[in-house]
Amino acid sequence: MLEIRNLTKTYPNGKQAVKNLSITIEDGDLYGFIGKNGAGKTTTLKACLTIHDFDSGDILLNGISIKSNPIECKKRMAYVPDSPVLETYLTGLQYLNFVCDIYDVSTHTRKNKIIELSERLGMKDKLNDLIGSYSHGMKQKISLIGALAHEPLLLILDEPFVGLDPEAFVELKLLMKELCNSGGSVLFSSHILDVVEKTCNKIAIIQNGQLLRCGEIREILGTSDLEDIFMELNRI
């Protein structure tokens, strides 16, 4: 599905945010990406989406390089940042139709997906309200609906649970698992280690832009829990 090969990214101020990072997310993986603030998580996720360029390495989606064919790759992906920036003059429904237009989602499919997802995430009665009236959590929900409406092969989420109410929190975990069970994949960053431990089948832990450990979560944890493993690795 997604292969990050020897990714290196240095910002103009000289800070090396990611250093020779290699991770592979396979079909069906629900992959947790964890690290302290400033570890390089968001930089890596944005590089996967061509929001950030990078100095060396490559990123491939189903064997297609994000460098050489970014449009083809982005057609198969969806992304929700930790703080969605949306056009406040649109209604939720107008925004969702705009996203569906970009991804060529048919009228029939988009109608069904928008109804289903808005009901599951508690936004059905808010679709005709202006986004400018939405709370942070509501913006997060409408962004998630837009990301899932075109049924992406790969869903990339940056701190997706921040701001969600308990019902939406639980529903998002179910939606992520359903996407993976259907053959898609999810890569998400989170500081909520308990959720990562209980939800993911694989994880990657990074520190100062470098990979500390990755693989099957059961093998990494052994008889410990993720909180203990994370704290131990970050003391090294």
C-alpha atoms as a PDB file:
ATOM      1  CA  MET A   1       0.000   0.000   0.000  1.00  0.00           C
ATOM      2  CA  LEU A   2       2.260   2.833   1.270  1.00  0.00           C
ATOM      3  CA  GLU A   3       6.035   2.612   1.339  1.00  0.00           C
ATOM      4  CA  ILE A   4       8.163   5.370   2.844  1.00  0.00           C
ATOM      5  CA  ARG A   5      11.760   4.850   1.725  1.00  0.00           C
ATOM      6  CA  ASN A   6      14.649   6.620   3.431  1.00  0.00           C
ATOM      7  CA  LEU A   7      12.688   9.855   3.828  1.00  0.00           C
ATOM      8  CA  THR A   8      14.749  12.886   4.826  1.00  0.00           C
ATOM      9  CA  LYS A   9      13.404  16.401   5.279  1.00  0.00           C
ATOM     10  CA  THR A  10      15.328  19.495   6.390  1.00  0.00           C
ATOM     11  CA  TYR A  11      13.628  22.855   6.882  1.00  0.00           C
ATOM     12  CA  PRO A  12      15.184  26.111   5.604  1.00  0.00           C
ATOM     13  CA  ASN A  13      16.260  27.019   9.159  1.00  0.00           C
ATOM     14  CA  GLY A  14      18.496  23.945   9.185  1.00  0.00           C
ATOM     15  CA  LYS A  15      16.303  21.767  11.396  1.00  0.00           C
ATOM     16  CA  GLN A  16      16.292  18.185  10.159  1.00  0.00           C
ATOM     17  CA  ALA A  17      12.739  17.090  10.881  1.00  0.00           C
ATOM     18  CA  VAL A  18      12.945  13.562   9.422  1.00  0.00           C
ATOM     19  CA  LYS A  19      16.103  11.495   9.034  1.00  0.00           C
ATOM     20  CA  ASN A  20      16.308   8.476   6.731  1.00  0.00           C
ATOM     21  CA  LEU A  21      12.871   7.186   7.760  1.00  0.00           C
ATOM     22  CA  SER A  22      11.538   3.949   6.253  1.00  0.00           C
ATOM     23  CA  ILE A  23       8.090   2.499   7.040  1.00  0.00           C
ATOM     24  CA  THR A  24       5.789   0.181   5.096  1.00  0.00           C
ATOM     25  CA  ILE A  25       2.006   0.197   5.552  1.00  0.00           C
ATOM     26  CA  GLU A  26       0.395  -2.846   3.949  1.00  0.00           C
ATOM     27  CA  ASP A  27      -3.168  -3.458   2.763  1.00  0.00           C
ATOM     28  CA  GLY A  28      -5.465  -3.781   5.770  1.00  0.00           C
ATOM     29  CA  ASP A  29      -3.056  -2.169   8.239  1.00  0.00           C
ATOM     30  CA  LEU A  30      -4.385   0.130  10.922  1.00  0.00           C
ATOM     31  CA  TYR A  31      -1.063   1.788  11.612  1.00  0.00           C
ATOM     32  CA  GLY A  32      -0.352   4.024  14.589  1.00  0.00           C
ATOM     33  CA  PHE A  33       2.376   6.660  14.275  1.00  0.00           C
ATOM     34  CA  ILE A  34       3.550   7.994  17.626  1.00  0.00           C
ATOM     35  CA  GLY A  35       6.200  10.271  19.061  1.00  0.00           C
ATOM     36  CA  LYS A  36       6.625  13.351  21.209  1.00  0.00           C
ATOM     37  CA  ASN A  37       5.775  16.853  19.996  1.00  0.00           C
ATOM     38  CA  GLY A  38       8.279  17.818  17.314  1.00  0.00           C
ATOM     39  CA  ALA A  39       9.292  14.221  16.612  1.00  0.00           C
ATOM     40  CA  GLY A  40       8.531  14.548  12.890  1.00  0.00           C
ATOM     41  CA  LYS A  41       5.112  12.901  12.698  1.00  0.00           C
ATOM     42  CA  THR A  42       3.198  15.697  10.977  1.00  0.00           C
ATOM     43  CA  THR A  43       6.117  16.436   8.645  1.00  0.00           C
ATOM     44  CA  THR A  44       6.118  12.798   7.539  1.00  0.00           C
ATOM     45  CA  LEU A  45       2.359  12.696   7.023  1.00  0.00           C
ATOM     46  CA  LYS A  46       2.413  15.903   4.987  1.00  0.00           C
ATOM     47  CA  ALA A  47       5.274  14.572   2.871  1.00  0.00           C
ATOM     48  CA  CYS A  48       3.092  11.555   2.026  1.00  0.00           C
ATOM     49  CA  LEU A  49       0.504  13.997   0.663  1.00  0.00           C
ATOM     50  CA  THR A  50       2.985  16.301  -1.154  1.00  0.00           C
ATOM     51  CA  ILE A  51       2.032  19.153   1.180  1.00  0.00           C
ATOM     52  CA  HIS A  52       5.736  19.167   2.107  1.00  0.00           C
ATOM     53  CA  ASP A  53       8.529  18.388  -0.284  1.00  0.00           C
ATOM     54  CA  PHE A  54      11.510  16.390   0.957  1.00  0.00           C
ATOM     55  CA  ASP A  55      15.249  16.282   0.367  1.00  0.00           C
ATOM     56  CA  SER A  56      15.808  12.618  -0.355  1.00  0.00           C
ATOM     57  CA  GLY A  57      14.124   9.244  -0.376  1.00  0.00           C
ATOM     58  CA  ASP A  58      10.786   8.387  -1.929  1.00  0.00           C
ATOM     59  CA  ILE A  59       7.189   7.632  -1.005  1.00  0.00           C
ATOM     60  CA  LEU A  60       5.184   5.115  -3.035  1.00  0.00           C
ATOM     61  CA  LEU A  61       1.498   4.274  -3.023  1.00  0.00           C
ATOM     62  CA  ASN A  62       0.845   0.877  -4.620  1.00  0.00           C
ATOM     63  CA  GLY A  63       4.212   1.180  -6.318  1.00  0.00           C
ATOM     64  CA  ILE A  64       3.539   4.668  -7.721  1.00  0.00           C
ATOM     65  CA  SER A  65       5.960   7.388  -6.637  1.00  0.00           C
ATOM     66  CA  ILE A  66       4.386  10.422  -5.009  1.00  0.00           C
ATOM     67  CA  LYS A  67       7.216  12.437  -6.588  1.00  0.00           C
ATOM     68  CA  SER A  68       6.684  11.359 -10.183  1.00  0.00           C
ATOM     69  CA  ASN A  69       2.893  10.989 -10.168  1.00  0.00           C
ATOM     70  CA  PRO A  70       1.399  12.974  -7.282  1.00  0.00           C
ATOM     71  CA  ILE A  71      -2.099  13.392  -8.757  1.00  0.00           C
ATOM     72  CA  GLU A  72      -2.559   9.658  -9.316  1.00  0.00           C
ATOM     73  CA  CYS A  73      -1.482   8.969  -5.745  1.00  0.00           C
ATOM     74  CA  LYS A  74      -3.661  11.662  -4.195  1.00  0.00           C
ATOM     75  CA  LYS A  75      -6.733  10.316  -5.995  1.00  0.00           C
ATOM     76  CA  ARG A  76      -6.425   7.220  -3.816  1.00  0.00           C
ATOM     77  CA  MET A  77      -5.778   8.959  -0.509  1.00  0.00           C
ATOM     78  CA  ALA A  78      -7.597  11.152   1.967  1.00  0.00           C
ATOM     79  CA  TYR A  79      -6.226  13.344   4.741  1.00  0.00           C
ATOM     80  CA  VAL A  80      -7.612  15.041   7.816  1.00  0.00           C
ATOM     81  CA  PRO A  81      -5.234  17.355   9.732  1.00  0.00           C
ATOM     82  CA  ASP A  82      -5.408  17.971  13.455  1.00  0.00           C
ATOM     83  CA  SER A  83      -6.961  21.413  12.888  1.00  0.00           C
ATOM     84  CA  PRO A  84      -9.016  21.418   9.661  1.00  0.00           C
ATOM     85  CA  VAL A  85      -9.043  24.726   7.781  1.00  0.00           C
ATOM     86  CA  LEU A  86     -12.365  24.971   5.959  1.00  0.00           C
ATOM     87  CA  GLU A  87     -14.142  27.683   3.995  1.00  0.00           C
ATOM     88  CA  THR A  88     -16.460  29.215   6.565  1.00  0.00           C
ATOM     89  CA  TYR A  89     -18.886  30.662   3.988  1.00  0.00           C
ATOM     90  CA  LEU A  90     -19.893  27.166   2.803  1.00  0.00           C
ATOM     91  CA  THR A  91     -22.454  24.937   4.443  1.00  0.00           C
ATOM     92  CA  GLY A  92     -21.326  21.489   5.502  1.00  0.00           C
ATOM     93  CA  LEU A  93     -23.215  19.949   2.586  1.00  0.00           C
ATOM     94  CA  GLN A  94     -21.710  22.375   0.069  1.00  0.00           C
ATOM     95  CA  TYR A  95     -18.244  21.477   1.316  1.00  0.00           C
ATOM     96  CA  LEU A  96     -18.929  17.750   1.043  1.00  0.00           C
ATOM     97  CA  ASN A  97     -20.270  18.116  -2.494  1.00  0.00           C
ATOM     98  CA  PHE A  98     -17.186  20.133  -3.404  1.00  0.00           C
ATOM     99  CA  VAL A  99     -14.927  17.329  -2.146  1.00  0.00           C
ATOM    100  CA  CYS A 100     -17.003  14.706  -3.965  1.00  0.00           C
ATOM    101  CA  ASP A 101     -16.746  16.756  -7.177  1.00  0.00           C
ATOM    102  CA  ILE A 102     -12.946  16.744  -6.893  1.00  0.00           C
ATOM    103  CA  TYR A 103     -12.904  12.960  -6.537  1.00  0.00           C
ATOM    104  CA  ASP A 104     -15.578  12.362  -9.235  1.00  0.00           C
ATOM    105  CA  VAL A 105     -17.970  10.669  -6.816  1.00  0.00           C
ATOM    106  CA  SER A 106     -21.273   9.946  -8.552  1.00  0.00           C
ATOM    107  CA  THR A 107     -24.465  11.669  -7.386  1.00  0.00           C
ATOM    108  CA  HIS A 108     -25.966   8.391  -6.169  1.00  0.00           C
ATOM    109  CA  THR A 109     -22.858   7.279  -4.292  1.00  0.00           C
ATOM    110  CA  ARG A 110     -22.210  10.630  -2.644  1.00  0.00           C
ATOM    111  CA  LYS A 111     -25.801  10.973  -1.478  1.00  0.00           C
ATOM    112  CA  ASN A 112     -25.712   7.570   0.203  1.00  0.00           C
ATOM    113  CA  LYS A 113     -22.252   8.075   1.715  1.00  0.00           C
ATOM    114  CA  ILE A 114     -23.020  11.557   3.045  1.00  0.00           C
ATOM    115  CA  ILE A 115     -26.257  10.361   4.654  1.00  0.00           C
ATOM    116  CA  GLU A 116     -24.591   7.305   6.195  1.00  0.00           C
ATOM    117  CA  LEU A 117     -21.500   9.089   7.490  1.00  0.00           C
ATOM    118  CA  SER A 118     -23.313  12.186   8.751  1.00  0.00           C
ATOM    119  CA  GLU A 119     -25.707   9.973  10.717  1.00  0.00           C
ATOM    120  CA  ARG A 120     -22.866   7.935  12.202  1.00  0.00           C
ATOM    121  CA  LEU A 121     -20.847  11.002  13.194  1.00  0.00           C
ATOM    122  CA  GLY A 122     -23.816  13.011  14.462  1.00  0.00           C
ATOM    123  CA  MET A 123     -23.807  15.679  11.741  1.00  0.00           C
ATOM    124  CA  LYS A 124     -27.036  14.924   9.862  1.00  0.00           C
ATOM    125  CA  ASP A 125     -28.911  17.899  11.324  1.00  0.00           C
ATOM    126  CA  LYS A 126     -25.964  20.269  10.836  1.00  0.00           C
ATOM    127  CA  LEU A 127     -25.223  19.751   7.126  1.00  0.00           C
ATOM    128  CA  ASN A 128     -27.102  22.875   6.039  1.00  0.00           C
ATOM    129  CA  ASP A 129     -25.473  25.095   8.658  1.00  0.00           C
ATOM    130  CA  LEU A 130     -22.550  27.326   7.737  1.00  0.00           C
ATOM    131  CA  ILE A 131     -19.145  25.892   8.593  1.00  0.00           C
ATOM    132  CA  GLY A 132     -18.417  29.234  10.245  1.00  0.00           C
ATOM    133  CA  SER A 133     -20.910  28.288  12.950  1.00  0.00           C
ATOM    134  CA  TYR A 134     -19.254  24.908  13.632  1.00  0.00           C
ATOM    135  CA  SER A 135     -17.231  24.080  16.736  1.00  0.00           C
ATOM    136  CA  HIS A 136     -13.770  22.521  16.337  1.00  0.00           C
ATOM    137  CA  GLY A 137     -15.260  19.076  16.855  1.00  0.00           C
ATOM    138  CA  MET A 138     -17.906  19.647  14.190  1.00  0.00           C
ATOM    139  CA  LYS A 139     -15.262  20.819  11.716  1.00  0.00           C
ATOM    140  CA  GLN A 140     -13.331  17.654  12.499  1.00  0.00           C
ATOM    141  CA  LYS A 141     -16.423  15.554  11.804  1.00  0.00           C
ATOM    142  CA  ILE A 142     -17.269  17.245   8.490  1.00  0.00           C
ATOM    143  CA  SER A 143     -13.642  16.815   7.408  1.00  0.00           C
ATOM    144  CA  LEU A 144     -13.808  13.108   8.265  1.00  0.00           C
ATOM    145  CA  ILE A 145     -17.019  12.711   6.274  1.00  0.00           C
ATOM    146  CA  GLY A 146     -15.360  14.391   3.291  1.00  0.00           C
ATOM    147  CA  ALA A 147     -12.309  12.167   3.614  1.00  0.00           C
ATOM    148  CA  LEU A 148     -14.334   8.956   3.752  1.00  0.00           C
ATOM    149  CA  ALA A 149     -17.002   9.852   1.162  1.00  0.00           C
ATOM    150  CA  HIS A 150     -14.873   8.825  -1.828  1.00  0.00           C
ATOM    151  CA  GLU A 151     -13.803   5.543  -0.173  1.00  0.00           C
ATOM    152  CA  PRO A 152     -10.028   6.098  -0.206  1.00  0.00           C
ATOM    153  CA  LEU A 153      -7.541   3.262  -0.312  1.00  0.00           C
ATOM    154  CA  LEU A 154      -5.400   5.053   2.243  1.00  0.00           C
ATOM    155  CA  LEU A 155      -6.690   7.330   5.005  1.00  0.00           C
ATOM    156  CA  ILE A 156      -4.109   9.562   6.715  1.00  0.00           C
ATOM    157  CA  LEU A 157      -5.149  11.249   9.954  1.00  0.00           C
ATOM    158  CA  ASP A 158      -3.219  13.615  12.223  1.00  0.00           C
ATOM    159  CA  GLU A 159      -4.530  13.504  15.801  1.00  0.00           C
ATOM    160  CA  PRO A 160      -8.045  12.582  14.604  1.00  0.00           C
ATOM    161  CA  PHE A 161      -9.642  12.142  18.017  1.00  0.00           C
ATOM    162  CA  VAL A 162      -8.925  15.635  19.360  1.00  0.00           C
ATOM    163  CA  GLY A 163     -12.172  17.537  19.851  1.00  0.00           C
ATOM    164  CA  LEU A 164     -14.516  14.644  19.114  1.00  0.00           C
ATOM    165  CA  ASP A 165     -17.355  13.860  21.496  1.00  0.00           C
ATOM    166  CA  PRO A 166     -17.457  10.323  22.966  1.00  0.00           C
ATOM    167  CA  GLU A 167     -19.965   8.957  20.429  1.00  0.00           C
ATOM    168  CA  ALA A 168     -17.992  10.245  17.445  1.00  0.00           C
ATOM    169  CA  PHE A 169     -14.780   9.006  19.085  1.00  0.00           C
ATOM    170  CA  VAL A 170     -16.139   5.454  19.175  1.00  0.00           C
ATOM    171  CA  GLU A 171     -17.662   5.724  15.701  1.00  0.00           C
ATOM    172  CA  LEU A 172     -14.405   6.895  14.149  1.00  0.00           C
ATOM    173  CA  LYS A 173     -12.594   3.857  15.517  1.00  0.00           C
ATOM    174  CA  LEU A 174     -15.246   1.637  13.920  1.00  0.00           C
ATOM    175  CA  LEU A 175     -14.978   3.477  10.588  1.00  0.00           C
ATOM    176  CA  MET A 176     -11.211   3.075  10.584  1.00  0.00           C
ATOM    177  CA  LYS A 177     -11.491  -0.643  11.249  1.00  0.00           C
ATOM    178  CA  GLU A 178     -14.138  -1.056   8.555  1.00  0.00           C
ATOM    179  CA  LEU A 179     -11.914   0.631   5.983  1.00  0.00           C
ATOM    180  CA  CYS A 180      -9.051  -1.707   6.870  1.00  0.00           C
ATOM    181  CA  ASN A 181     -11.305  -4.782   6.830  1.00  0.00           C
ATOM    182  CA  SER A 182     -12.365  -3.849   3.288  1.00  0.00           C
ATOM    183  CA  GLY A 183      -8.739  -3.857   2.107  1.00  0.00           C
ATOM    184  CA  GLY A 184      -7.856  -0.205   2.685  1.00  0.00           C
ATOM    185  CA  SER A 185      -5.311   1.120   5.164  1.00  0.00           C
ATOM    186  CA  VAL A 186      -5.158   3.819   7.825  1.00  0.00           C
ATOM    187  CA  LEU A 187      -2.072   5.704   9.003  1.00  0.00           C
ATOM    188  CA  PHE A 188      -2.711   8.003  11.940  1.00  0.00           C
ATOM    189  CA  SER A 189      -0.750   9.899  14.540  1.00  0.00           C
ATOM    190  CA  SER A 190      -2.010  10.192  18.085  1.00  0.00           C
ATOM    191  CA  HIS A 191      -0.848  11.009  21.583  1.00  0.00           C
ATOM    192  CA  ILE A 192      -3.631   8.863  23.033  1.00  0.00           C
ATOM    193  CA  LEU A 193      -1.499   5.764  23.558  1.00  0.00           C
ATOM    194  CA  ASP A 194      -4.316   3.671  24.991  1.00  0.00           C
ATOM    195  CA  VAL A 195      -6.336   4.102  21.776  1.00  0.00           C
ATOM    196  CA  VAL A 196      -3.321   3.259  19.613  1.00  0.00           C
ATOM    197  CA  GLU A 197      -2.627   0.133  21.651  1.00  0.00           C
ATOM    198  CA  LYS A 198      -6.218  -1.133  21.501  1.00  0.00           C
ATOM    199  CA  THR A 199      -6.942  -0.139  17.884  1.00  0.00           C
ATOM    200  CA  CYS A 200      -3.820  -0.699  15.783  1.00  0.00           C
ATOM    201  CA  ASN A 201      -2.226  -3.880  14.477  1.00  0.00           C
ATOM    202  CA  LYS A 202       1.078  -2.086  13.761  1.00  0.00           C
ATOM    203  CA  ILE A 203       2.872   0.966  15.086  1.00  0.00           C
ATOM    204  CA  ALA A 204       5.929   3.104  14.446  1.00  0.00           C
ATOM    205  CA  ILE A 205       7.611   5.129  17.181  1.00  0.00           C
ATOM    206  CA  ILE A 206       9.859   8.023  16.160  1.00  0.00           C
ATOM    207  CA  GLN A 207      12.082  10.433  18.055  1.00  0.00           C
ATOM    208  CA  ASN A 208      13.848  13.489  16.615  1.00  0.00           C
ATOM    209  CA  GLY A 209      12.838  12.390  13.121  1.00  0.00           C
ATOM    210  CA  GLN A 210      14.360   8.933  13.440  1.00  0.00           C
ATOM    211  CA  LEU A 211      12.612   5.601  13.712  1.00  0.00           C
ATOM    212  CA  LEU A 212      12.988   3.962  17.117  1.00  0.00           C
ATOM    213  CA  ARG A 213      10.845   0.901  16.523  1.00  0.00           C
ATOM    214  CA  CYS A 214       8.131  -0.366  14.167  1.00  0.00           C
ATOM    215  CA  GLY A 215       6.190  -3.531  13.417  1.00  0.00           C
ATOM    216  CA  GLU A 216       3.403  -5.672  14.819  1.00  0.00           C
ATOM    217  CA  ILE A 217       2.155  -4.113  18.017  1.00  0.00           C
ATOM    218  CA  ARG A 218       1.926  -7.492  19.790  1.00  0.00           C
ATOM    219  CA  GLU A 219       5.599  -8.168  19.116  1.00  0.00           C
ATOM    220  CA  ILE A 220       6.679  -4.693  20.221  1.00  0.00           C
ATOM    221  CA  LEU A 221       4.665  -4.768  23.443  1.00  0.00           C
ATOM    222  CA  GLY A 222       5.302  -8.298  24.598  1.00  0.00           C
ATOM    223  CA  THR A 223       4.072  -8.352  28.191  1.00  0.00           C
ATOM    224  CA  SER A 224       4.311  -4.549  28.571  1.00  0.00           C
ATOM    225  CA  ASP A 225       1.848  -1.853  27.579  1.00  0.00           C
ATOM    226  CA  LEU A 226       2.457   0.872  25.016  1.00  0.00           C
ATOM    227  CA  GLU A 227       2.816   3.601  27.597  1.00  0.00           C
ATOM    228  CA  ASP A 228       5.708   1.771  29.283  1.00  0.00           C
ATOM    229  CA  ILE A 229       7.399   0.981  25.954  1.00  0.00           C
ATOM    230  CA  PHE A 230       7.033   4.564  24.752  1.00  0.00           C
ATOM    231  CA  MET A 231       8.464   6.054  27.934  1.00  0.00           C
ATOM    232  CA  GLU A 232      11.357   3.587  27.957  1.00  0.00           C
ATOM    233  CA  LEU A 233      12.304   4.283  24.322  1.00  0.00           C
ATOM    234  CA  ASN A 234      12.120   8.040  24.781  1.00  0.00           C
ATOM    235  CA  ARG A 235      14.566   7.863  27.720  1.00  0.00           C
ATOM    236  CA  ILE A 236      17.229   6.399  25.421  1.00  0.00           C
END
